[in-house]
Amino acid sequence: MSDLVLTGARVFDGHRYLGDAGDVLVREGRIVSVGGSDRTPGAEVVDCGGALLLPGFVDAHVHPVQGGIERLTCDLSGLPVDRAAYLAHVGAYAASRPDLDWVQGGGWAMAAFPGGLPTAAELDTVVADRPAALVNRDHHGMWVNTRALAVAGINRDTPDPADGRIERDAAGEPTGVLHEGAMDLVLAVLPVPDADALYAGLLEGQRHLHSLGVTGWQDAIVGAYAGMRDTGPTYRRAAASGDLTGTVVGALWWERERGLEQVAELVEKREAYSYGRFAATSVKIMQDGVAENGTAALVEPYLDRCGHATTNSGLSFVSPTLLRSAVAALDSEGFQVHVHGLGDRGVREALEAFAGTDPSRRHHIAHLQLVHPADVPRFAELGVAANIQALWACFDEQMVDLTIPFLGPERAARQYPFGDLRRAGARLVAGSDWPVSTPNPLEVIHVAVHRMAYGEPGRAGTEPFLPSQALSLEVALAAYTSGSAWVCHRDDAGVIAPGAVADLVLLDRDVFDEPLEVGAAKVERVWVGGEVVEKR
């Protein structure tokens, strides 16, 4: 491998903006110098033309296999948030694939439907000849047609599972949406992707992530989940073959219906799956659901549409007592623990479980839509990282119609408190949660900085959402580079410095020149270990 010289770039080094820092020299996959002039004969020289060079993005919470599979099936995620557009696409996809026994896919947004609830009847209008099942963007709900309900045996007499809910009409008949654990009723009869389908999904997911400048990630669920086979062997296969070019930490799935007996199994999986670029060294625990369907765990109950308190405070999928025991056991076995905590009670339960654990494990809580003000300082006190998915912190239709009215003004005014967490000394790391939302780090960072979605119409793109919680561009970029590399125990990545691995991204501009246009920036070139994996 010849030396690589990147010249004429402005540099963000993973922590701060350096501006015109001089040449960046790469040798044998690592950065040798920043600002030097040591060019060896035969070196490849890339003129960056004044654009921004930064470390490769590291996504600290993403689902690439699932995202890749969805891109290869009925993918609604790139469509306008519009009922008619969704139905037209599903109909066209179903017509193009008469060979499929089921129509599967996902990516629809709740905001496209009244109350966030599509119906089986409207899905029947475009696919009635066979069952159809489409997960929504947040993967906490599923839209099914009448045939799917029948095949799964779901009717008015089917009870709601303890960890989910069947949406029903006034007569008690299922209407076509299954929340949380109720999805398992359909997943039990859905065809399961085989090993080759999972592998194709991983490679497509990796290709898409690389195209957006993501050079490493933490897969937030490695295990049998939501109709998927365990993806640990998929990663092992890709790592052993050399097809895995990203550096990945796998968060092994904690089965919430089980107890501490699975700790020993997770230790065995860690040993069996870890290979090369893949390390199965984290464990994912989903502690609660999401606010839009009333399953995020709250300290105080949700409100109804008239602003009155209900009896619903959401779901804690793992009892706080078991959670504390599980975290302690995993910590003692050397695992990092990665918790989904979205509501303020869910976040509090996770923080209490992390008390007394080893900070060197780099435990973290993802999503953090609501953090009780009393708990904000505890992240720094306990050494727990705040894993943020900033794209959601804007006035999109889902926030305006399906969240704010049911939280009330006080709680709604303290959502996604990234600024408060930063000011309280919390370590910030960042991710996308793709395929729940876009995996494009620049769109995510735009919202983190401006609390508005780039290029979106209406309030989402024109009115800042709680602007006191915005982050500076340097802080947001650091969270998505050095911060996320840190939480993945990659201390030699996420930075541009001598000795660091040469995972690098070149943009088409210097976003520090025009921070209002961060979301418009594009990736021009991506290197992993000094080798090009994306070039436009």
Protein backbone atom coordinates (compact mmCIF):
# COMPACT_ATOMS: atom_id res chain seq x y z
CA MET A 1 0.00 0.00 0.00
CA SER A 2 1.48 3.33 -1.03
CA ASP A 3 1.38 6.34 1.25
CA LEU A 4 -1.65 8.59 1.02
CA VAL A 5 -1.34 12.37 1.29
CA LEU A 6 -4.48 14.43 1.78
CA THR A 7 -3.68 18.01 0.95
CA GLY A 8 -5.67 21.21 0.85
CA ALA A 9 -8.23 20.03 3.39
CA ARG A 10 -9.72 21.80 6.32
CA VAL A 11 -9.74 19.44 9.26
CA PHE A 12 -12.06 18.56 12.08
CA ASP A 13 -9.94 16.23 14.22
CA GLY A 14 -12.74 14.51 16.13
CA HIS A 15 -12.74 17.03 18.96
CA ARG A 16 -12.25 20.49 17.45
CA TYR A 17 -12.09 22.34 14.17
CA LEU A 18 -8.50 22.93 13.07
CA GLY A 19 -9.22 24.71 9.79
CA ASP A 20 -6.28 24.65 7.36
CA ALA A 21 -4.10 22.14 9.19
CA GLY A 22 -1.73 21.18 6.37
CA ASP A 23 -1.19 17.76 4.85
CA VAL A 24 -2.53 14.61 6.48
CA LEU A 25 -0.18 11.69 5.80
CA VAL A 26 -1.42 8.09 5.92
CA ARG A 27 0.89 5.09 5.88
CA GLU A 28 -0.08 1.43 6.17
CA GLY A 29 -3.61 2.26 7.25
CA ARG A 30 -2.75 4.76 9.98
CA ILE A 31 -2.28 8.48 10.23
CA VAL A 32 1.39 9.37 10.48
CA SER A 33 1.23 13.14 10.71
CA VAL A 34 -1.08 16.11 10.58
CA GLY A 35 0.42 19.33 9.26
CA GLY A 36 3.73 17.87 8.20
CA SER A 37 5.33 17.89 4.74
CA ASP A 38 6.87 14.42 4.63
CA ARG A 39 5.80 13.17 1.20
CA THR A 40 7.45 9.97 0.07
CA PRO A 41 8.04 9.20 -3.62
CA GLY A 42 5.10 7.39 -5.16
CA ALA A 43 2.58 8.57 -2.58
CA GLU A 44 -0.99 9.02 -3.73
CA VAL A 45 -1.91 12.68 -3.37
CA VAL A 46 -5.54 13.74 -3.03
CA ASP A 47 -6.29 17.45 -3.31
CA CYS A 48 -9.25 18.09 -1.00
CA GLY A 49 -9.93 21.54 -2.43
CA GLY A 50 -10.69 23.25 0.86
CA ALA A 51 -13.45 20.82 1.82
CA LEU A 52 -13.75 19.33 5.29
CA LEU A 53 -11.82 16.20 6.20
CA LEU A 54 -13.00 14.50 9.36
CA PRO A 55 -12.79 11.10 11.04
CA GLY A 56 -15.15 8.42 9.82
CA PHE A 57 -18.54 8.63 11.47
CA VAL A 58 -19.27 5.92 14.03
CA ASP A 59 -22.96 5.14 14.54
CA ALA A 60 -23.47 4.15 18.17
CA HIS A 61 -26.98 2.73 17.70
CA VAL A 62 -28.00 1.24 14.36
CA HIS A 63 -29.53 -1.92 12.85
CA PRO A 64 -27.75 -2.46 9.50
CA VAL A 65 -28.96 -6.01 8.81
CA GLN A 66 -32.57 -5.01 9.34
CA GLY A 67 -32.05 -1.81 7.39
CA GLY A 68 -30.40 -3.65 4.53
CA ILE A 69 -33.19 -6.22 4.35
CA GLU A 70 -35.79 -3.46 4.31
CA ARG A 71 -33.97 -1.77 1.43
CA LEU A 72 -34.24 -5.05 -0.45
CA THR A 73 -37.99 -5.52 0.29
CA CYS A 74 -41.00 -3.15 0.39
CA ASP A 75 -39.16 -0.07 1.64
CA LEU A 76 -41.40 2.89 2.51
CA SER A 77 -38.76 4.89 4.39
CA GLY A 78 -37.78 7.17 1.52
CA LEU A 79 -41.32 8.13 0.55
CA PRO A 80 -43.21 11.29 1.50
CA VAL A 81 -45.09 10.94 4.77
CA ASP A 82 -48.34 10.38 2.96
CA ARG A 83 -51.02 7.67 3.14
CA ALA A 84 -51.64 7.61 -0.61
CA ALA A 85 -47.92 7.35 -1.40
CA TYR A 86 -47.54 4.41 0.98
CA LEU A 87 -50.53 2.55 -0.43
CA ALA A 88 -49.43 3.11 -4.02
CA HIS A 89 -45.93 1.83 -3.27
CA VAL A 90 -47.17 -1.26 -1.44
CA GLY A 91 -49.56 -2.02 -4.27
CA ALA A 92 -46.85 -1.66 -6.90
CA TYR A 93 -44.42 -3.78 -4.91
CA ALA A 94 -46.99 -6.53 -4.35
CA ALA A 95 -47.86 -6.55 -8.06
CA SER A 96 -44.17 -6.82 -8.97
CA ARG A 97 -43.61 -9.80 -6.66
CA PRO A 98 -46.45 -12.31 -7.23
CA ASP A 99 -44.02 -15.05 -6.15
CA LEU A 100 -44.00 -13.93 -2.52
CA ASP A 101 -46.26 -15.68 -0.02
CA TRP A 102 -46.15 -12.57 2.22
CA VAL A 103 -45.66 -8.90 1.42
CA GLN A 104 -43.11 -7.66 3.95
CA GLY A 105 -41.22 -4.43 4.53
CA GLY A 106 -41.59 -1.27 6.53
CA GLY A 107 -40.66 2.33 7.07
CA TRP A 108 -44.07 4.02 7.28
CA ALA A 109 -44.51 7.02 9.55
CA MET A 110 -47.37 7.21 12.01
CA ALA A 111 -47.95 10.87 11.13
CA ALA A 112 -49.38 9.84 7.74
CA PHE A 113 -52.51 8.41 9.38
CA PRO A 114 -55.18 9.83 11.70
CA GLY A 115 -54.07 9.17 15.25
CA GLY A 116 -50.99 7.40 13.86
CA LEU A 117 -53.13 4.35 13.06
CA PRO A 118 -53.50 2.89 9.57
CA THR A 119 -56.04 0.12 9.12
CA ALA A 120 -56.16 -3.36 7.70
CA ALA A 121 -59.06 -2.29 5.51
CA GLU A 122 -57.01 0.31 3.65
CA LEU A 123 -54.08 -2.10 3.25
CA ASP A 124 -56.57 -4.62 1.82
CA THR A 125 -57.27 -2.19 -1.01
CA VAL A 126 -53.79 -2.73 -2.46
CA VAL A 127 -52.96 -6.26 -1.31
CA ALA A 128 -55.78 -8.63 -0.40
CA ASP A 129 -54.66 -11.86 -2.07
CA ARG A 130 -52.04 -12.72 0.58
CA PRO A 131 -50.96 -11.53 4.01
CA ALA A 132 -49.02 -8.28 4.35
CA ALA A 133 -47.02 -7.04 7.35
CA LEU A 134 -45.20 -3.69 7.41
CA VAL A 135 -43.35 -2.41 10.46
CA ASN A 136 -43.39 1.32 11.11
CA ARG A 137 -40.30 3.52 11.15
CA ASP A 138 -39.69 3.16 14.87
CA HIS A 139 -40.17 -0.63 14.74
CA HIS A 140 -42.52 -0.49 17.71
CA GLY A 141 -45.64 -1.13 15.65
CA MET A 142 -46.81 -3.19 12.68
CA TRP A 143 -49.47 -2.54 10.03
CA VAL A 144 -51.13 -5.71 8.80
CA ASN A 145 -53.93 -6.55 6.41
CA THR A 146 -56.97 -8.74 7.06
CA ARG A 147 -55.30 -11.85 5.67
CA ALA A 148 -52.36 -11.43 8.05
CA LEU A 149 -54.71 -11.08 11.03
CA ALA A 150 -56.49 -14.27 9.98
CA VAL A 151 -53.29 -16.26 9.40
CA ALA A 152 -52.00 -15.19 12.83
CA GLY A 153 -55.32 -16.07 14.47
CA ILE A 154 -55.88 -12.56 15.79
CA ASN A 155 -59.51 -11.72 16.48
CA ARG A 156 -61.65 -9.94 19.04
CA ASP A 157 -61.07 -12.74 21.54
CA THR A 158 -57.27 -12.54 21.34
CA PRO A 159 -55.96 -10.99 24.57
CA ASP A 160 -53.34 -8.24 24.56
CA PRO A 161 -49.93 -9.59 25.55
CA ALA A 162 -48.36 -8.19 28.72
CA ASP A 163 -45.81 -6.22 26.70
CA GLY A 164 -47.99 -4.94 23.88
CA ARG A 165 -51.41 -3.99 22.56
CA ILE A 166 -53.71 -4.91 19.68
CA GLU A 167 -55.39 -1.81 18.27
CA ARG A 168 -59.17 -2.33 18.23
CA ASP A 169 -62.36 -0.56 17.20
CA ALA A 170 -65.27 0.23 19.52
CA ALA A 171 -66.61 -3.29 19.10
CA GLY A 172 -63.29 -4.85 20.10
CA GLU A 173 -62.33 -5.99 16.60
CA PRO A 174 -58.64 -5.71 15.62
CA THR A 175 -58.17 -2.82 13.21
CA GLY A 176 -54.77 -3.60 11.74
CA VAL A 177 -52.04 -2.17 14.00
CA LEU A 178 -50.09 -4.22 16.52
CA HIS A 179 -47.99 -2.43 19.15
CA GLU A 180 -44.80 -3.73 20.77
CA GLY A 181 -45.11 -7.36 21.92
CA ALA A 182 -48.36 -7.81 20.01
CA MET A 183 -46.24 -7.88 16.84
CA ASP A 184 -44.97 -11.27 17.96
CA LEU A 185 -48.37 -12.77 17.12
CA VAL A 186 -47.66 -12.11 13.45
CA LEU A 187 -43.92 -12.62 13.65
CA ALA A 188 -44.63 -16.18 14.81
CA VAL A 189 -46.12 -17.00 11.39
CA LEU A 190 -44.01 -14.77 9.13
CA PRO A 191 -41.37 -16.42 6.94
CA VAL A 192 -37.99 -15.95 8.60
CA PRO A 193 -35.09 -14.67 6.45
CA ASP A 194 -32.56 -17.43 5.93
CA ALA A 195 -28.81 -17.15 6.40
CA ASP A 196 -28.17 -15.91 2.87
CA ALA A 197 -30.91 -13.27 3.15
CA LEU A 198 -29.37 -11.99 6.37
CA TYR A 199 -25.96 -11.87 4.74
CA ALA A 200 -27.31 -9.93 1.77
CA GLY A 201 -28.99 -7.56 4.20
CA LEU A 202 -25.75 -6.96 6.09
CA LEU A 203 -23.78 -6.25 2.93
CA GLU A 204 -26.46 -3.87 1.62
CA GLY A 205 -26.66 -2.16 5.00
CA GLN A 206 -22.88 -1.79 5.14
CA ARG A 207 -22.77 -0.43 1.58
CA HIS A 208 -25.38 2.18 2.43
CA LEU A 209 -23.63 3.20 5.66
CA HIS A 210 -20.27 3.57 3.92
CA SER A 211 -21.89 5.74 1.25
CA LEU A 212 -22.86 8.15 4.04
CA GLY A 213 -19.42 8.23 5.66
CA VAL A 214 -20.06 5.68 8.41
CA THR A 215 -16.95 3.55 8.92
CA GLY A 216 -17.91 1.78 12.16
CA TRP A 217 -20.97 1.15 14.26
CA GLN A 218 -22.60 -0.57 17.18
CA ASP A 219 -25.34 -2.92 16.02
CA ALA A 220 -27.96 -2.37 18.70
CA ILE A 221 -29.56 -5.82 18.42
CA VAL A 222 -27.54 -8.94 17.63
CA GLY A 223 -29.82 -11.85 18.30
CA ALA A 224 -33.14 -13.41 17.36
CA TYR A 225 -35.58 -10.50 17.39
CA ALA A 226 -38.68 -9.27 15.52
CA GLY A 227 -38.86 -12.19 13.12
CA MET A 228 -35.10 -12.26 12.48
CA ARG A 229 -32.70 -15.07 13.11
CA ASP A 230 -29.71 -14.38 15.33
CA THR A 231 -27.40 -12.14 13.29
CA GLY A 232 -24.27 -13.05 15.25
CA PRO A 233 -23.33 -15.83 12.80
CA THR A 234 -23.96 -13.38 9.94
CA TYR A 235 -21.36 -10.98 11.30
CA ARG A 236 -18.94 -13.80 12.05
CA ARG A 237 -19.24 -15.02 8.46
CA ALA A 238 -18.68 -11.54 7.05
CA ALA A 239 -15.70 -10.89 9.34
CA ALA A 240 -14.08 -14.22 8.50
CA SER A 241 -14.57 -13.76 4.75
CA GLY A 242 -13.24 -10.21 4.69
CA ASP A 243 -16.57 -8.83 3.48
CA LEU A 244 -17.00 -6.85 6.71
CA THR A 245 -15.15 -3.60 6.07
CA GLY A 246 -16.72 -1.60 8.90
CA THR A 247 -15.49 -2.09 12.45
CA VAL A 248 -18.45 -3.25 14.51
CA VAL A 249 -19.46 -3.84 18.10
CA GLY A 250 -22.42 -6.15 18.43
CA ALA A 251 -24.90 -5.60 21.27
CA LEU A 252 -26.20 -9.06 22.07
CA TRP A 253 -29.95 -9.15 22.66
CA TRP A 254 -31.26 -9.54 26.21
CA GLU A 255 -34.46 -11.57 26.04
CA ARG A 256 -36.81 -9.70 28.33
CA GLU A 257 -39.03 -12.74 28.95
CA ARG A 258 -36.10 -14.54 30.56
CA GLY A 259 -33.82 -13.97 33.54
CA LEU A 260 -30.22 -14.24 34.68
CA GLU A 261 -29.80 -17.73 33.29
CA GLN A 262 -29.05 -16.15 29.90
CA VAL A 263 -25.88 -14.41 31.14
CA ALA A 264 -23.82 -17.57 30.67
CA GLU A 265 -25.26 -17.98 27.17
CA LEU A 266 -24.27 -14.42 26.30
CA VAL A 267 -20.71 -15.12 27.44
CA GLU A 268 -20.65 -18.11 25.09
CA LYS A 269 -22.01 -16.03 22.22
CA ARG A 270 -19.37 -13.38 22.82
CA GLU A 271 -16.67 -15.98 22.34
CA ALA A 272 -18.37 -17.67 19.38
CA TYR A 273 -19.20 -14.55 17.37
CA SER A 274 -16.26 -12.19 17.95
CA TYR A 275 -13.79 -12.29 15.08
CA GLY A 276 -11.64 -9.73 13.33
CA ARG A 277 -13.60 -6.53 12.82
CA PHE A 278 -16.57 -7.77 14.84
CA ALA A 279 -16.64 -7.78 18.65
CA ALA A 280 -19.78 -9.08 20.41
CA THR A 281 -18.88 -7.29 23.63
CA SER A 282 -22.04 -5.33 24.45
CA VAL A 283 -25.52 -6.40 25.59
CA LYS A 284 -28.69 -4.55 24.62
CA ILE A 285 -31.58 -4.31 27.08
CA MET A 286 -34.80 -2.68 25.91
CA GLN A 287 -36.25 -1.16 29.05
CA ASP A 288 -39.30 0.61 27.61
CA GLY A 289 -41.13 1.46 24.40
CA VAL A 290 -41.89 4.74 22.64
CA ALA A 291 -43.98 7.75 23.51
CA GLU A 292 -46.06 7.78 20.33
CA ASN A 293 -47.91 4.59 21.24
CA GLY A 294 -47.91 5.15 24.99
CA THR A 295 -45.34 2.48 25.87
CA ALA A 296 -42.36 4.65 26.90
CA ALA A 297 -42.08 4.33 30.69
CA LEU A 298 -43.00 7.62 32.40
CA VAL A 299 -42.72 8.81 35.99
CA GLU A 300 -46.21 10.37 35.70
CA PRO A 301 -49.03 9.00 33.51
CA TYR A 302 -49.76 10.03 29.95
CA LEU A 303 -52.54 12.49 29.28
CA ASP A 304 -55.58 11.88 27.12
CA ARG A 305 -56.53 14.09 24.17
CA CYS A 306 -58.32 16.47 26.52
CA GLY A 307 -55.26 16.93 28.73
CA HIS A 308 -56.46 14.77 31.62
CA ALA A 309 -54.25 12.19 33.31
CA THR A 310 -54.83 8.57 32.30
CA THR A 311 -53.95 5.36 34.10
CA ASN A 312 -51.21 4.57 31.57
CA SER A 313 -47.60 5.24 32.60
CA GLY A 314 -46.06 3.07 29.88
CA LEU A 315 -44.20 -0.21 30.12
CA SER A 316 -41.04 -1.30 31.88
CA PHE A 317 -40.19 -4.39 29.88
CA VAL A 318 -37.73 -5.58 32.53
CA SER A 319 -38.63 -5.18 36.19
CA PRO A 320 -36.34 -2.67 37.93
CA THR A 321 -35.23 -5.39 40.34
CA LEU A 322 -34.26 -7.78 37.57
CA LEU A 323 -32.66 -4.95 35.61
CA ARG A 324 -30.34 -4.13 38.50
CA SER A 325 -29.38 -7.79 38.88
CA ALA A 326 -28.87 -8.24 35.15
CA VAL A 327 -26.69 -5.15 34.77
CA ALA A 328 -24.57 -6.18 37.75
CA ALA A 329 -24.11 -9.70 36.38
CA LEU A 330 -23.22 -8.48 32.89
CA ASP A 331 -20.86 -5.85 34.29
CA SER A 332 -19.05 -8.49 36.33
CA GLU A 333 -18.61 -10.59 33.17
CA GLY A 334 -16.95 -7.68 31.39
CA PHE A 335 -19.86 -6.73 29.15
CA GLN A 336 -20.81 -3.21 28.24
CA VAL A 337 -24.57 -2.69 28.72
CA HIS A 338 -26.53 -0.68 26.15
CA VAL A 339 -30.03 0.24 27.36
CA HIS A 340 -32.97 1.56 25.36
CA GLY A 341 -34.34 4.23 27.71
CA LEU A 342 -36.79 6.64 26.17
CA GLY A 343 -39.19 7.74 28.93
CA ASP A 344 -38.07 9.43 32.15
CA ARG A 345 -38.96 6.39 34.28
CA GLY A 346 -37.17 4.04 31.88
CA VAL A 347 -34.07 6.25 31.96
CA ARG A 348 -34.20 6.46 35.75
CA GLU A 349 -34.50 2.68 36.09
CA ALA A 350 -31.44 2.27 33.86
CA LEU A 351 -29.40 4.82 35.80
CA GLU A 352 -30.27 3.13 39.09
CA ALA A 353 -29.17 -0.20 37.61
CA PHE A 354 -25.81 1.31 36.58
CA ALA A 355 -25.02 2.59 40.09
CA GLY A 356 -21.95 0.77 41.38
CA THR A 357 -20.87 -0.64 38.01
CA ASP A 358 -17.42 -0.29 36.46
CA PRO A 359 -17.21 2.95 34.40
CA SER A 360 -14.50 1.39 32.25
CA ARG A 361 -17.20 -0.76 30.63
CA ARG A 362 -18.53 2.43 29.00
CA HIS A 363 -22.20 1.66 29.63
CA HIS A 364 -24.70 3.84 27.81
CA ILE A 365 -28.40 4.70 27.54
CA ALA A 366 -29.86 5.38 24.12
CA HIS A 367 -32.65 7.68 22.91
CA LEU A 368 -33.28 9.82 26.03
CA GLN A 369 -36.42 11.55 24.83
CA LEU A 370 -37.33 12.37 28.42
CA VAL A 371 -34.84 12.61 31.26
CA HIS A 372 -36.14 13.82 34.59
CA PRO A 373 -34.22 16.99 35.59
CA ALA A 374 -33.07 15.31 38.80
CA ASP A 375 -31.44 12.56 36.73
CA VAL A 376 -29.53 14.73 34.25
CA PRO A 377 -26.41 15.07 36.49
CA ARG A 378 -26.34 11.33 37.18
CA PHE A 379 -24.90 10.48 33.75
CA ALA A 380 -21.63 12.22 34.61
CA GLU A 381 -21.72 11.03 38.23
CA LEU A 382 -22.09 7.37 37.20
CA GLY A 383 -19.88 7.53 34.10
CA VAL A 384 -22.80 6.52 31.85
CA ALA A 385 -22.73 7.85 28.29
CA ALA A 386 -25.74 9.59 26.76
CA ASN A 387 -26.36 7.94 23.38
CA ILE A 388 -28.41 10.48 21.42
CA GLN A 389 -30.51 10.09 18.27
CA ALA A 390 -30.83 13.79 17.50
CA LEU A 391 -32.90 13.55 14.31
CA TRP A 392 -36.07 13.20 16.36
CA ALA A 393 -35.61 16.52 18.21
CA CYS A 394 -37.73 18.65 15.90
CA PHE A 395 -41.32 19.74 15.34
CA ASP A 396 -42.18 16.95 12.92
CA GLU A 397 -45.77 15.77 12.61
CA GLN A 398 -45.17 12.81 14.88
CA MET A 399 -43.93 15.13 17.62
CA VAL A 400 -46.72 17.69 17.14
CA ASP A 401 -49.66 15.31 16.74
CA LEU A 402 -48.71 12.13 18.59
CA THR A 403 -46.36 13.18 21.39
CA ILE A 404 -46.75 16.72 22.74
CA PRO A 405 -50.52 16.47 23.43
CA PHE A 406 -50.06 13.31 25.49
CA LEU A 407 -47.11 14.57 27.52
CA GLY A 408 -48.45 17.99 28.43
CA PRO A 409 -46.56 21.30 28.38
CA GLU A 410 -44.13 20.67 31.25
CA ARG A 411 -42.79 17.35 29.98
CA ALA A 412 -43.00 18.37 26.33
CA ALA A 413 -40.68 21.30 27.14
CA ARG A 414 -37.89 19.04 28.35
CA GLN A 415 -37.59 16.54 25.52
CA TYR A 416 -34.24 15.46 24.12
CA PRO A 417 -32.24 17.51 26.67
CA PHE A 418 -28.91 17.22 24.90
CA GLY A 419 -27.74 20.69 25.91
CA ASP A 420 -28.55 20.06 29.56
CA LEU A 421 -26.74 16.72 29.50
CA ARG A 422 -23.68 18.34 27.93
CA ARG A 423 -23.67 21.20 30.45
CA ALA A 424 -23.94 18.64 33.28
CA GLY A 425 -20.80 16.90 32.07
CA ALA A 426 -22.33 13.86 30.37
CA ARG A 427 -20.30 12.19 27.65
CA LEU A 428 -22.29 12.39 24.41
CA VAL A 429 -22.22 9.68 21.76
CA ALA A 430 -24.49 9.61 18.73
CA GLY A 431 -26.33 7.31 16.40
CA SER A 432 -29.19 7.10 13.95
CA ASP A 433 -31.28 4.04 14.94
CA TRP A 434 -31.59 3.27 11.21
CA PRO A 435 -33.90 1.91 9.80
CA VAL A 436 -36.09 3.77 12.31
CA SER A 437 -34.78 6.98 10.72
CA THR A 438 -32.17 8.03 8.18
CA PRO A 439 -28.62 6.81 8.76
CA ASN A 440 -27.20 10.02 7.24
CA PRO A 441 -25.04 11.55 10.02
CA LEU A 442 -25.10 15.00 8.42
CA GLU A 443 -28.89 15.19 8.57
CA VAL A 444 -28.79 14.02 12.18
CA ILE A 445 -26.09 16.55 13.09
CA HIS A 446 -28.09 19.32 11.41
CA VAL A 447 -30.95 18.70 13.84
CA ALA A 448 -28.59 18.46 16.81
CA VAL A 449 -27.19 21.89 15.96
CA HIS A 450 -30.33 23.70 14.79
CA ARG A 451 -33.17 21.64 16.35
CA MET A 452 -34.78 21.75 12.90
CA ALA A 453 -34.84 19.18 10.10
CA TYR A 454 -32.98 20.28 7.01
CA GLY A 455 -35.21 21.00 4.03
CA GLU A 456 -38.42 19.85 5.72
CA PRO A 457 -41.60 21.86 5.20
CA GLY A 458 -43.68 23.32 8.01
CA ARG A 459 -42.61 23.65 11.62
CA ALA A 460 -40.09 20.79 11.41
CA GLY A 461 -37.83 22.78 9.09
CA THR A 462 -38.57 26.35 10.10
CA GLU A 463 -39.17 26.53 13.87
CA PRO A 464 -36.45 25.41 16.31
CA PHE A 465 -37.61 22.82 18.82
CA LEU A 466 -36.40 23.79 22.31
CA PRO A 467 -33.32 25.63 20.97
CA SER A 468 -31.72 25.87 24.42
CA GLN A 469 -30.96 22.16 24.01
CA ALA A 470 -29.01 22.63 20.76
CA LEU A 471 -25.37 21.57 20.51
CA SER A 472 -22.55 23.40 18.82
CA LEU A 473 -21.35 22.01 15.51
CA GLU A 474 -18.05 20.91 17.08
CA VAL A 475 -19.83 19.08 19.92
CA ALA A 476 -22.29 17.37 17.58
CA LEU A 477 -19.55 16.22 15.21
CA ALA A 478 -17.46 15.02 18.15
CA ALA A 479 -20.37 12.95 19.47
CA TYR A 480 -20.67 11.19 16.09
CA THR A 481 -16.93 10.59 15.69
CA SER A 482 -14.66 10.44 18.74
CA GLY A 483 -17.59 10.02 21.13
CA SER A 484 -19.12 7.03 19.41
CA ALA A 485 -15.69 5.53 18.74
CA TRP A 486 -15.03 5.80 22.48
CA VAL A 487 -18.25 4.02 23.44
CA CYS A 488 -17.26 1.24 21.04
CA HIS A 489 -13.90 0.94 22.87
CA ARG A 490 -12.04 2.17 19.77
CA ASP A 491 -9.57 4.59 21.29
CA ASP A 492 -7.52 4.71 18.08
CA ALA A 493 -10.50 5.73 15.92
CA GLY A 494 -12.79 8.71 15.62
CA VAL A 495 -9.87 11.16 15.55
CA ILE A 496 -7.39 12.58 13.07
CA ALA A 497 -4.11 12.35 14.96
CA PRO A 498 -0.80 10.52 14.59
CA GLY A 499 -1.25 6.83 15.32
CA ALA A 500 -5.01 6.78 14.72
CA VAL A 501 -6.54 4.39 12.23
CA ALA A 502 -7.11 6.12 8.89
CA ASP A 503 -10.91 5.89 8.82
CA LEU A 504 -11.63 9.20 7.12
CA VAL A 505 -14.41 11.12 5.38
CA LEU A 506 -14.10 13.97 2.89
CA LEU A 507 -17.17 16.14 2.42
CA ASP A 508 -18.04 18.28 -0.60
CA ARG A 509 -17.66 21.49 1.44
CA ASP A 510 -16.50 22.87 4.75
CA VAL A 511 -19.65 22.86 6.87
CA PHE A 512 -18.04 25.29 9.32
CA ASP A 513 -18.26 27.91 6.57
CA GLU A 514 -22.01 27.43 6.23
CA PRO A 515 -23.41 25.74 9.35
CA LEU A 516 -27.00 26.49 8.31
CA GLU A 517 -26.44 24.07 5.42
CA VAL A 518 -24.96 21.12 7.32
CA GLY A 519 -27.83 18.89 6.23
CA ALA A 520 -27.11 19.64 2.56
CA ALA A 521 -23.49 18.49 2.70
CA LYS A 522 -22.56 15.32 0.81
CA VAL A 523 -19.86 12.73 1.26
CA GLU A 524 -17.28 12.74 -1.53
CA ARG A 525 -14.87 10.04 -0.41
CA VAL A 526 -14.53 7.54 2.43
CA TRP A 527 -11.47 5.61 3.55
CA VAL A 528 -11.35 2.66 5.94
CA GLY A 529 -7.83 1.91 7.13
CA GLY A 530 -6.53 4.11 4.34
CA GLU A 531 -8.40 2.18 1.64
CA VAL A 532 -11.19 3.83 -0.36
CA VAL A 533 -14.63 2.28 0.24
CA GLU A 534 -16.68 5.13 -1.29
CA LYS A 535 -15.77 7.60 -4.03
CA ARG A 536 -17.97 9.99 -5.93
